[in-house]
Protein backbone atom coordinates (compact mmCIF):
# COMPACT_ATOMS: atom_id res chain seq x y z
CA MET A 1 5.08 -12.06 8.24
CA THR A 2 2.20 -9.56 8.24
CA LYS A 3 -1.15 -10.76 6.90
CA LEU A 4 -2.40 -9.15 3.70
CA THR A 5 -5.41 -6.93 4.38
CA HIS A 6 -7.11 -7.36 1.02
CA THR A 7 -7.60 -11.13 1.23
CA ASP A 8 -9.98 -13.19 3.33
CA SER A 9 -9.07 -16.37 5.24
CA GLN A 10 -9.37 -18.40 2.00
CA GLY A 11 -7.07 -16.03 0.07
CA ASN A 12 -9.87 -14.39 -1.94
CA ALA A 13 -9.67 -10.70 -2.79
CA ARG A 14 -11.88 -8.46 -0.68
CA MET A 15 -12.37 -4.82 0.10
CA VAL A 16 -11.28 -4.04 3.66
CA ASP A 17 -14.06 -3.01 6.07
CA VAL A 18 -12.95 0.33 7.53
CA GLY A 19 -16.29 1.12 9.14
CA ASP A 20 -14.97 0.85 12.70
CA LYS A 21 -11.99 3.15 12.18
CA GLN A 22 -11.76 6.59 13.77
CA VAL A 23 -12.14 9.70 11.62
CA GLN A 24 -8.72 11.35 11.38
CA LEU A 25 -6.87 13.92 9.31
CA ARG A 26 -4.95 11.79 6.82
CA VAL A 27 -2.16 13.09 4.59
CA ALA A 28 -0.03 11.33 2.00
CA LYS A 29 2.82 12.70 -0.10
CA ALA A 30 4.34 10.99 -3.13
CA SER A 31 6.91 11.74 -5.79
CA GLY A 32 8.24 10.49 -9.11
CA HIS A 33 10.42 11.54 -12.02
CA ILE A 34 10.52 11.35 -15.79
CA GLN A 35 13.87 11.53 -17.53
CA LEU A 36 13.82 13.68 -20.66
CA SER A 37 16.34 14.76 -23.26
CA PRO A 38 17.83 18.27 -22.92
CA GLU A 39 16.05 19.21 -26.15
CA THR A 40 12.68 18.16 -24.75
CA LEU A 41 13.31 20.10 -21.54
CA GLN A 42 14.07 23.18 -23.63
CA LEU A 43 10.83 22.76 -25.61
CA ILE A 44 8.87 22.45 -22.34
CA ASP A 45 10.62 25.51 -20.88
CA GLN A 46 9.78 27.55 -23.99
CA ASN A 47 6.21 26.14 -24.08
CA LEU A 48 6.79 24.82 -27.62
CA ILE A 49 5.33 21.33 -27.20
CA LYS A 50 2.47 21.21 -29.72
CA LYS A 51 -0.02 19.68 -27.26
CA GLY A 52 0.27 22.67 -24.91
CA ASP A 53 1.64 23.67 -21.50
CA VAL A 54 3.13 20.36 -20.38
CA LEU A 55 3.70 21.17 -16.72
CA THR A 56 0.28 22.70 -16.06
CA ILE A 57 -1.56 19.95 -17.91
CA ALA A 58 0.40 17.27 -16.01
CA GLU A 59 -0.55 18.90 -12.71
CA ILE A 60 -4.23 19.05 -13.67
CA ALA A 61 -4.13 15.43 -14.86
CA GLY A 62 -2.66 14.40 -11.51
CA ILE A 63 -5.43 16.18 -9.62
CA GLN A 64 -8.09 14.54 -11.78
CA ALA A 65 -6.48 11.13 -11.31
CA ALA A 66 -6.36 11.43 -7.52
CA LYS A 67 -10.10 12.14 -7.52
CA ARG A 68 -10.75 8.97 -9.57
CA THR A 69 -8.41 6.54 -7.81
CA ALA A 70 -11.22 4.30 -6.54
CA GLU A 71 -12.33 3.80 -10.15
CA LEU A 72 -8.81 2.77 -11.22
CA ILE A 73 -7.58 0.61 -8.32
CA PRO A 74 -10.08 -2.22 -7.78
CA LEU A 75 -10.13 -2.50 -3.96
CA CYS A 76 -9.66 1.19 -3.05
CA HIS A 77 -12.31 2.98 -1.05
CA ASN A 78 -14.11 6.04 -2.38
CA ILE A 79 -12.74 8.94 -0.36
CA VAL A 80 -13.86 12.55 -0.13
CA LEU A 81 -10.64 14.50 -0.59
CA ASN A 82 -10.05 17.84 1.14
CA LYS A 83 -6.91 18.86 -0.76
CA ILE A 84 -4.89 17.71 -3.74
CA LEU A 85 -1.68 19.51 -4.60
CA VAL A 86 0.35 18.32 -7.59
CA LYS A 87 3.54 20.10 -8.59
CA ALA A 88 5.64 19.42 -11.73
CA ILE A 89 9.15 20.86 -11.48
CA PRO A 90 11.79 20.64 -14.21
CA ASP A 91 15.31 19.69 -13.16
CA GLU A 92 18.56 19.01 -14.98
CA THR A 93 17.48 15.52 -16.16
CA GLY A 94 13.72 15.80 -16.59
CA VAL A 95 10.66 16.65 -14.53
CA SER A 96 9.89 15.66 -10.95
CA ILE A 97 6.29 15.49 -9.81
CA THR A 98 5.20 15.64 -6.19
CA SER A 99 1.73 15.30 -4.75
CA GLU A 100 0.09 15.93 -1.42
CA VAL A 101 -3.39 14.58 -0.75
CA ARG A 102 -5.46 15.22 2.39
CA CYS A 103 -8.76 13.98 3.70
CA THR A 104 -10.68 13.87 6.92
CA GLY A 105 -11.74 10.26 6.94
CA ILE A 106 -11.38 6.68 8.08
CA THR A 107 -8.81 5.41 5.58
CA GLY A 108 -5.58 6.73 4.13
CA VAL A 109 -4.90 8.57 0.89
CA GLU A 110 -1.57 7.07 -0.18
CA MET A 111 -3.06 5.47 -3.30
CA GLU A 112 -4.51 8.82 -4.33
CA ALA A 113 -1.11 10.51 -3.88
CA LEU A 114 0.67 7.79 -5.86
CA THR A 115 -1.98 7.83 -8.60
CA ALA A 116 -1.66 11.62 -8.93
CA VAL A 117 2.10 11.33 -9.47
CA SER A 118 1.80 8.37 -11.85
CA VAL A 119 -0.80 9.97 -14.10
CA GLY A 120 1.03 13.30 -14.06
CA LEU A 121 4.17 11.55 -15.29
CA LEU A 122 2.22 9.59 -17.90
CA THR A 123 0.72 12.86 -19.13
CA ILE A 124 4.19 14.31 -19.67
CA TYR A 125 5.14 11.14 -21.53
CA ASP A 126 2.06 11.43 -23.75
CA MET A 127 2.63 15.09 -24.49
CA CYS A 128 6.32 14.65 -25.33
CA LYS A 129 6.37 11.29 -27.12
CA ALA A 130 6.51 12.89 -30.56
CA VAL A 131 9.83 14.62 -29.77
CA ASP A 132 11.50 12.27 -27.26
CA LYS A 133 11.77 8.52 -27.86
CA ASN A 134 13.93 7.77 -24.79
CA MET A 135 11.87 9.03 -21.86
CA LEU A 136 12.08 7.01 -18.67
CA ILE A 137 9.55 7.14 -15.84
CA GLY A 138 10.73 6.01 -12.41
CA ASN A 139 11.24 6.51 -8.70
CA ILE A 140 7.50 6.69 -7.98
CA GLN A 141 7.28 6.43 -4.22
CA LEU A 142 5.33 7.30 -1.13
CA ILE A 143 7.30 9.96 0.74
CA GLU A 144 5.10 10.40 3.78
CA LYS A 145 1.87 9.10 5.25
CA THR A 146 0.38 10.55 8.43
CA LYS A 147 -2.82 10.37 10.41
CA THR A 148 -3.72 12.78 13.16
CA ASN A 149 -6.55 12.54 15.66
CA ILE A 150 -9.12 15.29 15.38
CA PRO A 151 -9.96 16.94 18.70
CA GLY A 152 -13.57 16.46 19.50
């Protein structure tokens, strides 16, 4: 069994020391979905949700959330992010959100990608809760995580 990285030898929570790691290009992609009624999807498509443009606001919320991940997840490192792309796409059963987060740094950005998706989906939930009482958020997952050495 692999040892947990966020605990010390006594089992106490700790922030991992990444100071000795190599600076690399790090990319993480995540996705998730919110199930919506056909009526809610139609309201979103026609931009008739009273709180505004659901898809655009969800994308912006995801970007903001990725930038604040270290404030939300207790043992995450503060990371300078190079790129955050959040896309909300309607489908036949609801809206799928994908994110891609990049940095040039010493630790990965998977938590930022997952946070972007999660908050984007929660934003859709918040904006549509007055018209849809049966929404279901799910399938939030890391799709890809890469790190590439930077020539130097």
